[in-house]
Protein backbone atom coordinates (compact mmCIF):
# COMPACT_ATOMS: atom_id res chain seq x y z
CA MET A 1 -0.14 13.22 -4.43
CA LEU A 2 -0.61 9.73 -3.96
CA PHE A 3 2.19 7.22 -3.47
CA ALA A 4 2.47 8.98 -0.43
CA VAL A 5 1.76 6.09 1.97
CA ILE A 6 0.65 4.11 0.19
CA ILE A 7 1.20 4.42 2.55
CA PHE A 8 -1.09 2.11 1.60
CA GLY A 9 -1.59 1.39 3.46
CA ILE A 10 -2.02 -0.03 2.59
CA MET A 11 -3.14 -1.67 4.85
CA THR A 12 -2.75 -3.71 7.72
CA TYR A 13 -3.32 -7.35 7.27
CA ALA A 14 -4.41 -6.50 3.69
CA PHE A 15 -1.16 -8.74 2.76
CA ALA A 16 0.36 -11.35 4.91
CA GLN A 17 3.47 -9.43 5.85
CA VAL A 18 6.88 -10.51 7.61
CA SER A 19 7.54 -9.91 11.20
CA SER A 20 10.74 -8.23 12.24
CA GLU A 21 12.01 -8.27 15.87
CA ASN A 22 13.47 -4.96 15.36
CA LYS A 23 11.91 -2.09 17.31
CA GLU A 24 12.19 0.33 14.56
CA CYS A 25 11.40 0.07 11.03
CA GLN A 26 14.95 -0.39 9.07
CA TYR A 27 14.69 0.55 5.39
CA VAL A 28 16.22 3.97 4.23
CA GLY A 29 14.57 5.66 1.23
CA MET A 30 16.15 6.79 -2.10
CA THR A 31 18.63 9.69 -2.18
CA ASN A 32 17.87 12.94 -3.51
CA PHE A 33 14.04 11.98 -2.97
CA ASP A 34 11.75 15.06 -4.10
CA SER A 35 8.53 14.88 -2.05
CA SER A 36 7.17 17.61 -4.09
CA LYS A 37 7.04 15.70 -7.37
CA TYR A 38 6.11 12.54 -5.73
CA PHE A 39 2.94 14.01 -4.25
CA ASP A 40 1.82 15.36 -7.92
CA ILE A 41 0.76 11.58 -8.46
CA GLU A 42 -2.75 11.33 -7.04
CA HIS A 43 -3.75 7.51 -8.09
CA ALA A 44 -2.06 4.33 -8.19
CA TYR A 45 -2.57 0.71 -7.88
CA VAL A 46 -0.79 -2.02 -6.08
CA THR A 47 0.59 -4.46 -8.74
CA HIS A 48 3.09 -6.28 -6.74
CA ALA A 49 3.67 -7.33 -3.07
CA LYS A 50 6.80 -9.00 -1.61
CA ASN A 51 4.98 -10.84 1.05
CA GLY A 52 1.45 -12.27 0.82
CA ARG A 53 -1.24 -14.92 0.87
CA ASN A 54 -1.79 -15.27 -2.80
CA SER A 55 -2.28 -13.09 -6.00
CA ASN A 56 -5.71 -12.50 -5.51
CA PHE A 57 -5.50 -9.09 -3.92
CA CYS A 58 -6.60 -5.60 -5.22
CA ARG A 59 -5.54 -2.09 -3.92
CA GLU A 60 -6.42 1.41 -5.29
CA LEU A 61 -4.92 4.25 -3.73
CA THR A 62 -6.08 7.85 -3.83
CA THR A 63 -4.05 10.76 -1.96
CA THR A 64 -4.88 14.36 -1.20
CA LYS A 65 -2.58 16.97 -0.19
CA HIS A 66 -4.10 19.47 1.99
CA THR A 67 -3.46 23.43 1.95
CA ASN A 68 -1.88 22.96 5.56
CA GLY A 69 0.51 20.44 3.98
CA THR A 70 -1.12 17.22 5.70
CA ILE A 71 -1.24 14.30 3.41
CA ALA A 72 -4.42 12.15 3.50
CA THR A 73 -4.43 8.58 1.57
CA ILE A 74 -7.63 6.28 1.18
CA ALA A 75 -6.74 2.50 0.34
CA LYS A 76 -9.76 0.87 -1.26
CA GLY A 77 -9.53 -3.02 -2.14
CA TYR A 78 -10.53 -6.84 -1.94
CA ASP A 79 -8.57 -9.70 -0.62
CA GLU A 80 -9.35 -13.37 -0.86
CA ILE A 81 -8.85 -15.42 2.43
CA SER A 82 -9.67 -18.94 2.48
CA GLY A 83 -11.85 -18.83 -0.47
CA GLU A 84 -13.73 -15.64 0.78
CA THR A 85 -13.65 -12.37 -0.79
CA TYR A 86 -13.38 -9.42 1.69
CA TYR A 87 -13.59 -5.43 1.20
CA SER A 88 -11.93 -2.81 3.10
CA GLU A 89 -11.22 0.72 2.89
CA ILE A 90 -8.30 2.41 5.14
CA TYR A 91 -7.57 6.18 5.76
CA CYS A 92 -4.19 7.27 6.68
CA SER A 93 -2.86 11.02 7.25
CA GLY A 94 0.14 12.56 8.49
CA PRO A 95 2.65 15.32 7.48
CA SER A 96 4.27 15.31 3.96
CA THR A 97 7.70 15.89 5.38
CA VAL A 98 10.71 13.42 5.23
CA ASN A 99 12.20 12.18 8.19
CA ASN A 100 15.96 11.07 8.75
CA GLN A 101 15.07 7.51 6.93
CA GLY A 102 13.90 9.27 3.80
CA GLY A 103 10.23 8.04 4.67
CA PHE A 104 6.83 9.08 6.05
CA THR A 105 4.83 7.96 9.25
CA PHE A 106 1.22 8.31 9.07
CA ASP A 107 -1.57 7.64 11.39
CA CYS A 108 -4.12 5.00 10.01
CA HIS A 109 -7.46 3.31 10.62
CA PHE A 110 -9.99 1.02 8.98
CA LEU A 111 -13.04 3.13 7.51
CA LYS A 112 -14.90 -0.33 6.25
CA ASP A 113 -13.86 -4.18 6.95
CA THR A 114 -15.98 -6.75 5.92
CA ARG A 115 -13.64 -9.03 7.99
CA LYS A 116 -14.93 -7.02 10.97
CA ARG A 117 -11.34 -7.10 12.41
CA VAL A 118 -10.92 -5.13 15.83
CA LEU A 119 -8.16 -2.65 15.09
CA GLY A 120 -7.67 0.74 16.35
CA ASN A 121 -5.38 3.10 14.94
CA TYR A 122 -1.88 2.37 14.21
CA LYS A 123 1.38 3.77 12.64
CA LEU A 124 2.31 3.12 9.27
CA PHE A 125 6.12 4.10 8.02
CA THR A 126 6.61 4.38 4.34
CA SER A 127 10.03 4.83 2.51
CA VAL A 128 10.23 5.40 -1.19
CA ILE A 129 12.81 3.10 -2.71
CA ASP A 130 12.62 4.24 -5.90
CA THR A 131 10.15 6.02 -8.26
CA ASP A 132 10.09 8.24 -11.54
CA TYR A 133 7.62 10.40 -10.40
CA LYS A 134 4.98 9.39 -13.01
CA THR A 135 4.32 5.95 -13.67
CA TYR A 136 5.81 3.93 -10.57
CA ALA A 137 6.99 3.86 -7.08
CA VAL A 138 8.94 0.79 -5.11
CA LEU A 139 7.85 1.13 -1.40
CA TYR A 140 9.00 -0.35 1.81
CA ARG A 141 6.24 -0.69 4.54
CA CYS A 142 6.34 -1.04 8.17
CA THR A 143 3.23 -1.33 10.21
CA LYS A 144 3.47 -0.76 13.93
CA ILE A 145 0.35 -1.85 16.10
CA PRO A 146 0.32 -1.31 19.67
CA GLU A 147 -0.97 -4.79 20.57
CA VAL A 148 1.95 -6.35 18.29
CA PRO A 149 5.39 -6.47 19.94
CA VAL A 150 6.95 -6.51 16.44
CA ASN A 151 7.03 -4.58 13.44
CA LEU A 152 5.21 -6.07 10.10
CA GLU A 153 7.18 -5.31 6.96
CA ASN A 154 6.59 -5.54 3.43
CA PHE A 155 7.71 -4.23 -0.19
CA LEU A 156 5.10 -2.99 -2.64
CA VAL A 157 5.11 -1.85 -6.24
CA LEU A 158 2.88 1.01 -7.29
CA LYS A 159 1.97 1.75 -10.68
CA THR A 160 -0.34 4.51 -12.18
CA ASP A 161 -1.57 1.97 -15.34
CA LYS A 162 -1.80 -1.44 -13.78
CA ASN A 163 -1.46 -2.81 -17.35
CA SER A 164 1.84 -1.03 -17.93
CA ASN A 165 5.22 -3.04 -18.62
CA ASN A 166 7.52 -3.87 -15.58
CA ASP A 167 10.79 -3.24 -17.05
CA GLU A 168 11.86 -0.16 -15.13
CA VAL A 169 10.34 -2.00 -12.04
CA LYS A 170 12.37 -5.08 -12.55
CA GLN A 171 15.86 -3.25 -13.10
CA SER A 172 14.86 -1.27 -9.86
CA LEU A 173 14.34 -4.11 -7.85
CA GLN A 174 17.46 -5.71 -9.26
CA ARG A 175 19.67 -2.81 -7.89
CA LYS A 176 18.15 -3.51 -4.49
CA GLY A 177 18.92 -7.21 -4.64
CA MET A 178 15.27 -8.34 -5.32
CA GLU A 179 13.31 -10.01 -7.92
CA LEU A 180 9.95 -8.93 -9.36
CA ASP A 181 9.29 -12.48 -10.32
CA LYS A 182 9.26 -13.60 -6.86
CA PHE A 183 6.68 -10.90 -5.90
CA PHE A 184 3.01 -11.80 -5.79
CA SER A 185 1.43 -10.09 -8.70
CA ARG A 186 -2.14 -8.77 -8.83
CA ASN A 187 -4.61 -11.02 -10.48
CA ASN A 188 -6.88 -8.40 -12.61
CA GLU A 189 -9.37 -11.27 -13.48
CA TYR A 190 -9.92 -11.75 -9.87
CA CYS A 191 -10.03 -7.75 -9.01
CA ASN A 192 -12.90 -7.33 -11.87
CA SER A 193 -14.89 -10.35 -10.34
CA ALA A 194 -14.59 -9.14 -6.83
CA LYS A 195 -15.45 -5.56 -7.64
CA ASN A 196 -18.47 -6.83 -9.66
CA LYS A 197 -19.71 -9.30 -6.71
CA ILE A 198 -19.19 -6.71 -4.17
CA ALA A 199 -21.40 -4.08 -6.18
CA LYS A 200 -24.28 -7.00 -6.80
CA GLU A 201 -24.45 -7.64 -2.99
CA GLU A 202 -24.62 -3.81 -1.93
CA GLY A 203 -27.20 -3.47 -4.67
CA LYS A 204 -29.29 -6.22 -2.85
CA LYS A 205 -29.06 -4.40 0.17
CA GLU A 206 -30.41 -1.31 -0.79
CA THR A 207 -33.43 -2.70 -2.63
């Protein structure tokens, strides 16, 4: 039940994003999208981002579908900015219904943020460009922040196995006129190091 929004998102400012002067989010999702199959995926990693600062980013997404049909996603992750590693958790929720653009709109807010950014609730629009409903999804994400007069847009790749091959994803992006090699790729070594570092720091606080 996951990829829903990754809805990651994902996660305002988690990646450097491209600003669009369009007042509305633009990208239309895949045809014949089956939301019931899509929501069967409960956990995934963001392995690639079209726009970003660098490859030192980590995102894990866990999604739950409640009995009333509401979708809730928590995105946890690390980012390296100016040599410093920061941790954040973002909570997004909204209806599981698909809008006329083949996507979902969720309300999001930070649960934790070691960068201590001052940001209230914001809207996150996500459309599923392509997915096999089992191992990967290619997403368009558009973040709407009340304080910002433009939309923040990005394309993300989600995979249930962060170490699996990228053949299907490459073919999917090529059909959309994009190349995976031009995306920022998750640095697994950095992610393991960041996770251990934060865990040690939290352990020191508890003792």
